[in-house]
Amino acid sequence: MDLELEGKVAVVTGGGGAICGSIAAALADEGVHVVIWDISRKAAEQRSRDISSSGGTAIAQACDVTDRAGVQRAGRETIAACGTVDILINGAGGSRDETTTSAELDFFSIDPDDMQRVIGLNYLSAVIPSQFVGRIFADKGKGAILNISSIAGTRPLSRALTYSNAKAATNNFTAWLAVHMAQNYSPRIRVNAISPGFMLTEQNRFLLIDRMTGEYTERTQKAVRAKAAHPRLHRAQTGVSNERILQSHIAHRPCPSSLHL
């Protein structure tokens, strides 16, 4: 596919992980210069090497996207290396067992401090990079932001309380920022979100797979059955339709919108 993205620069947060790593590779296939921001330098560098070995262009930067100073540092380094940013993929995130109800942890016992950390990981991780990169887009009057949300942000399909809360906040932030950027800066600045369904990643394995048996948890079975006629978990490389994402949310689609995958 030719989406006229050749030579663009994309920052992909959480690009060392499964979902955004797959998106980063798809962008590189379109000729995009990809900058991987990930809290794990090792994961970012591995993803960068994988993209480069496939003929793409990528660089890696270790960055905690919940830390404003860290984002500003990574942003300055990105500008120094690439000159600008055209696309921002906000994909850093993940659930935690300490904010997920279970037989060992009921709702009444969840620590608010743990909730704050998960909210930061899944909500502020979209807000803070959007502040830095959004200023660049405002100055030049164009750009595309894509937030990776979750079906959990719209439906109570899992026990991951705070993860679901934070993704609901991300959905609201997406719509708010889309209107704000279009009205105050330029309608050529697009802000959208995608909401993947049940995809098996290292961040949610504890929630979806029983540690003792290796099988789906009872809750996973119920949730997947409720969503599909042929219940199964996707893996990011097969579950994310990169062509559909790039075509509808980065190259063409006006803002705001949210695609459920």
Protein backbone atom coordinates (compact mmCIF):
# COMPACT_ATOMS: atom_id res chain seq x y z
CA MET A 1 0.00 0.00 0.00
CA ASP A 2 1.16 3.56 -0.72
CA LEU A 3 -0.13 5.95 1.93
CA GLU A 4 2.23 8.78 0.94
CA LEU A 5 4.07 8.50 4.23
CA GLU A 6 7.55 8.23 2.69
CA GLY A 7 10.05 10.36 4.61
CA LYS A 8 7.71 11.17 7.52
CA VAL A 9 8.98 10.89 11.10
CA ALA A 10 6.97 8.90 13.64
CA VAL A 11 7.51 8.63 17.39
CA VAL A 12 6.12 5.34 18.70
CA THR A 13 5.90 5.10 22.49
CA GLY A 14 5.94 1.59 23.87
CA GLY A 15 7.45 0.59 20.53
CA GLY A 16 9.51 -2.13 22.14
CA GLY A 17 6.30 -4.04 22.96
CA ALA A 18 4.09 -6.28 20.89
CA ILE A 19 1.28 -4.04 19.60
CA CYS A 20 3.24 -0.86 18.97
CA GLY A 21 6.24 -2.80 17.77
CA SER A 22 4.04 -4.24 15.05
CA ILE A 23 2.72 -0.76 14.18
CA ALA A 24 6.27 0.63 14.13
CA ALA A 25 7.34 -2.06 11.67
CA ALA A 26 4.34 -1.29 9.43
CA LEU A 27 5.22 2.40 9.45
CA ALA A 28 8.82 1.60 8.52
CA ASP A 29 7.55 -0.52 5.62
CA GLU A 30 5.86 2.65 4.31
CA GLY A 31 9.15 4.56 4.37
CA VAL A 32 8.56 6.30 7.68
CA HIS A 33 11.57 7.13 9.87
CA VAL A 34 10.57 5.51 13.16
CA VAL A 35 11.74 6.65 16.59
CA ILE A 36 11.10 4.03 19.28
CA TRP A 37 10.48 5.45 22.75
CA ASP A 38 10.35 2.73 25.38
CA ILE A 39 11.09 2.56 29.08
CA SER A 40 13.26 -0.47 28.27
CA ARG A 41 16.33 0.59 26.32
CA LYS A 42 17.00 -3.06 25.48
CA ALA A 43 13.51 -3.54 23.98
CA ALA A 44 13.72 -0.27 22.03
CA GLU A 45 17.12 -1.14 20.60
CA GLN A 46 16.00 -4.65 19.65
CA ARG A 47 12.96 -3.28 17.81
CA SER A 48 15.14 -0.73 16.06
CA ARG A 49 17.55 -3.47 14.93
CA ASP A 50 14.66 -5.62 13.69
CA ILE A 51 13.28 -2.75 11.61
CA SER A 52 16.70 -1.82 10.25
CA SER A 53 17.47 -5.44 9.30
CA SER A 54 14.22 -5.47 7.29
CA GLY A 55 15.28 -2.42 5.31
CA GLY A 56 13.56 0.26 7.39
CA THR A 57 14.92 3.24 9.28
CA ALA A 58 14.60 3.36 13.06
CA ILE A 59 16.36 4.73 16.10
CA ALA A 60 15.85 3.83 19.76
CA GLN A 61 15.51 6.07 22.80
CA ALA A 62 14.97 5.00 26.40
CA CYS A 63 12.09 7.09 27.75
CA ASP A 64 9.65 6.93 30.64
CA VAL A 65 6.65 8.64 29.04
CA THR A 66 5.00 9.21 32.44
CA ASP A 67 7.87 11.55 33.33
CA ARG A 68 7.60 15.01 31.77
CA ALA A 69 11.32 15.77 32.03
CA GLY A 70 12.15 12.44 30.42
CA VAL A 71 9.74 13.09 27.55
CA GLN A 72 11.21 16.55 26.97
CA ARG A 73 14.71 15.08 26.87
CA ALA A 74 13.68 12.34 24.43
CA GLY A 75 11.80 14.91 22.38
CA ARG A 76 14.83 17.18 22.07
CA GLU A 77 16.98 14.22 21.07
CA THR A 78 14.41 13.21 18.45
CA ILE A 79 14.34 16.70 16.97
CA ALA A 80 18.14 16.81 16.92
CA ALA A 81 18.29 13.49 15.08
CA CYS A 82 15.29 13.81 12.75
CA GLY A 83 14.48 17.50 12.49
CA THR A 84 10.77 17.17 13.22
CA VAL A 85 7.93 14.79 14.11
CA ASP A 86 4.94 14.12 11.83
CA ILE A 87 3.21 11.22 13.60
CA LEU A 88 2.84 10.29 17.28
CA ILE A 89 1.69 6.83 18.33
CA ASN A 90 0.90 6.75 22.07
CA GLY A 91 1.11 3.07 22.92
CA ALA A 92 2.90 2.75 26.24
CA GLY A 93 0.71 1.10 28.86
CA GLY A 94 -0.28 -2.12 30.56
CA SER A 95 -2.24 -3.61 33.43
CA ARG A 96 -0.97 -4.59 36.87
CA ASP A 97 -2.17 -7.37 39.14
CA GLU A 98 -2.19 -5.05 42.18
CA THR A 99 -5.10 -3.10 40.65
CA THR A 100 -6.93 -6.14 39.29
CA THR A 101 -9.51 -7.90 41.45
CA SER A 102 -8.96 -11.60 42.12
CA ALA A 103 -9.58 -14.28 44.70
CA GLU A 104 -6.66 -12.81 46.62
CA LEU A 105 -7.50 -9.12 46.13
CA ASP A 106 -10.99 -7.69 46.41
CA PHE A 107 -12.07 -4.24 45.23
CA PHE A 108 -12.21 -2.87 48.77
CA SER A 109 -8.52 -3.60 49.34
CA ILE A 110 -6.98 -2.03 46.24
CA ASP A 111 -4.43 0.60 47.22
CA PRO A 112 -5.08 4.05 45.71
CA ASP A 113 -1.32 4.57 45.33
CA ASP A 114 -1.19 1.52 43.05
CA MET A 115 -4.15 2.92 41.13
CA GLN A 116 -2.33 6.22 40.59
CA ARG A 117 0.63 4.40 39.07
CA VAL A 118 -1.56 2.46 36.62
CA ILE A 119 -3.47 5.62 35.69
CA GLY A 120 -0.16 7.28 34.95
CA LEU A 121 0.99 4.35 32.84
CA ASN A 122 -2.17 4.21 30.73
CA TYR A 123 -3.45 7.80 30.68
CA LEU A 124 -0.67 10.28 31.37
CA SER A 125 1.48 8.21 29.02
CA ALA A 126 -0.70 9.60 26.22
CA VAL A 127 -1.11 13.11 27.62
CA ILE A 128 2.55 13.98 28.31
CA PRO A 129 3.99 12.98 24.88
CA SER A 130 1.03 14.74 23.23
CA GLN A 131 1.99 17.94 25.03
CA PHE A 132 5.51 17.90 23.60
CA VAL A 133 4.75 16.62 20.10
CA GLY A 134 1.41 18.47 19.92
CA ARG A 135 3.27 21.78 20.25
CA ILE A 136 5.31 20.83 17.16
CA PHE A 137 2.11 20.04 15.27
CA ALA A 138 0.53 23.32 16.39
CA ASP A 139 3.53 25.27 15.12
CA LYS A 140 3.47 23.69 11.66
CA GLY A 141 -0.30 23.26 11.38
CA LYS A 142 -0.43 19.53 10.71
CA GLY A 143 0.27 16.14 12.23
CA ALA A 144 -1.34 12.91 13.37
CA ILE A 145 -1.72 11.48 16.87
CA LEU A 146 -2.96 7.93 17.41
CA ASN A 147 -3.71 6.74 20.94
CA ILE A 148 -3.79 3.03 21.71
CA SER A 149 -6.79 2.54 23.97
CA SER A 150 -8.61 -0.72 24.73
CA ILE A 151 -12.02 -2.33 24.49
CA ALA A 152 -11.76 -2.37 28.31
CA GLY A 153 -12.23 1.40 28.22
CA THR A 154 -15.80 1.04 26.98
CA ARG A 155 -16.93 -2.34 28.35
CA PRO A 156 -16.42 -3.97 31.76
CA LEU A 157 -14.96 -7.16 30.28
CA SER A 158 -12.16 -7.81 32.75
CA ARG A 159 -11.24 -7.44 36.40
CA ALA A 160 -8.55 -4.87 35.57
CA LEU A 161 -10.26 -1.98 37.35
CA THR A 162 -7.74 0.82 37.01
CA TYR A 163 -6.52 -0.18 33.56
CA SER A 164 -10.12 0.06 32.34
CA ASN A 165 -10.61 3.41 34.09
CA ALA A 166 -7.44 4.82 32.52
CA LYS A 167 -8.37 3.65 29.02
CA ALA A 168 -11.79 5.27 29.40
CA ALA A 169 -9.95 8.48 30.27
CA THR A 170 -7.77 8.02 27.19
CA ASN A 171 -10.87 7.77 25.00
CA ASN A 172 -12.20 11.03 26.43
CA PHE A 173 -8.79 12.68 26.07
CA THR A 174 -8.63 11.64 22.42
CA ALA A 175 -11.95 13.34 21.59
CA TRP A 176 -11.08 16.42 23.66
CA LEU A 177 -7.65 16.85 22.09
CA ALA A 178 -8.98 16.34 18.58
CA VAL A 179 -11.45 19.19 19.01
CA HIS A 180 -8.91 21.39 20.81
CA MET A 181 -6.21 21.04 18.14
CA ALA A 182 -8.62 21.47 15.24
CA GLN A 183 -10.36 24.52 16.68
CA ASN A 184 -7.32 26.31 18.07
CA TYR A 185 -4.54 25.38 15.66
CA SER A 186 -5.44 23.53 12.48
CA PRO A 187 -8.00 20.99 11.19
CA ARG A 188 -5.03 19.25 9.58
CA ILE A 189 -3.99 18.02 13.03
CA ARG A 190 -5.75 14.69 13.50
CA VAL A 191 -6.20 12.87 16.80
CA ASN A 192 -7.71 9.37 16.84
CA ALA A 193 -7.68 6.18 18.88
CA ILE A 194 -7.88 2.45 18.33
CA SER A 195 -9.29 0.03 20.90
CA PRO A 196 -7.80 -3.46 20.54
CA GLY A 197 -9.75 -6.37 21.96
CA PHE A 198 -8.23 -9.36 23.71
CA MET A 199 -4.60 -9.59 22.63
CA LEU A 200 -2.10 -11.68 24.52
CA THR A 201 0.98 -9.67 25.52
CA GLU A 202 3.51 -9.99 28.30
CA GLN A 203 1.82 -7.12 30.16
CA ASN A 204 -1.56 -8.88 30.42
CA ARG A 205 -0.53 -12.53 30.47
CA PHE A 206 -1.13 -12.70 34.24
CA LEU A 207 -4.73 -11.61 33.68
CA LEU A 208 -5.63 -13.83 30.71
CA ILE A 209 -3.72 -17.06 31.30
CA ASP A 210 -3.86 -19.23 34.40
CA ARG A 211 -0.35 -19.42 35.87
CA MET A 212 -0.76 -23.03 37.01
CA THR A 213 -2.43 -24.63 33.99
CA GLY A 214 -1.43 -22.38 31.11
CA GLU A 215 -5.08 -22.27 29.98
CA TYR A 216 -7.44 -19.32 29.64
CA THR A 217 -8.74 -18.08 32.97
CA GLU A 218 -12.46 -18.49 33.56
CA ARG A 219 -12.96 -14.74 33.22
CA THR A 220 -11.06 -14.71 29.91
CA GLN A 221 -13.23 -17.50 28.52
CA LYS A 222 -16.41 -15.63 29.40
CA ALA A 223 -15.19 -12.32 28.02
CA VAL A 224 -13.93 -13.70 24.72
CA ARG A 225 -17.11 -15.75 24.23
CA ALA A 226 -19.13 -12.58 24.73
CA LYS A 227 -17.14 -10.79 22.01
CA ALA A 228 -16.80 -13.37 19.26
CA ALA A 229 -18.54 -16.36 17.73
CA HIS A 230 -15.18 -18.17 17.55
CA PRO A 231 -13.49 -17.23 20.82
CA ARG A 232 -9.73 -16.88 20.82
CA LEU A 233 -7.04 -14.47 21.92
CA HIS A 234 -5.13 -12.58 19.25
CA ARG A 235 -1.42 -12.03 19.28
CA ALA A 236 -0.42 -8.52 18.38
CA GLN A 237 1.32 -9.43 15.14
CA THR A 238 -1.82 -11.10 13.77
CA GLY A 239 -4.56 -9.32 15.70
CA VAL A 240 -3.68 -5.78 14.68
CA SER A 241 -4.59 -4.93 11.10
CA ASN A 242 -1.74 -2.54 10.43
CA GLU A 243 -3.02 -1.66 6.98
CA ARG A 244 -6.42 -0.72 8.37
CA ILE A 245 -4.86 1.35 11.15
CA LEU A 246 -2.51 3.26 8.88
CA GLN A 247 -5.07 3.90 6.18
CA SER A 248 -7.89 5.08 8.40
CA HIS A 249 -6.19 6.80 11.31
CA ILE A 250 -2.87 8.19 10.13
CA ALA A 251 -3.14 8.84 6.43
CA HIS A 252 -6.69 9.98 5.83
CA ARG A 253 -9.32 9.92 8.56
CA PRO A 254 -10.51 13.27 9.97
CA CYS A 255 -10.71 13.58 13.73
CA PRO A 256 -11.93 12.36 16.08
CA SER A 257 -12.72 8.65 15.89
CA SER A 258 -12.05 5.40 17.67
CA LEU A 259 -11.65 2.07 15.90
CA HIS A 260 -12.46 -1.13 17.79
CA LEU A 261 -10.29 -4.05 16.70
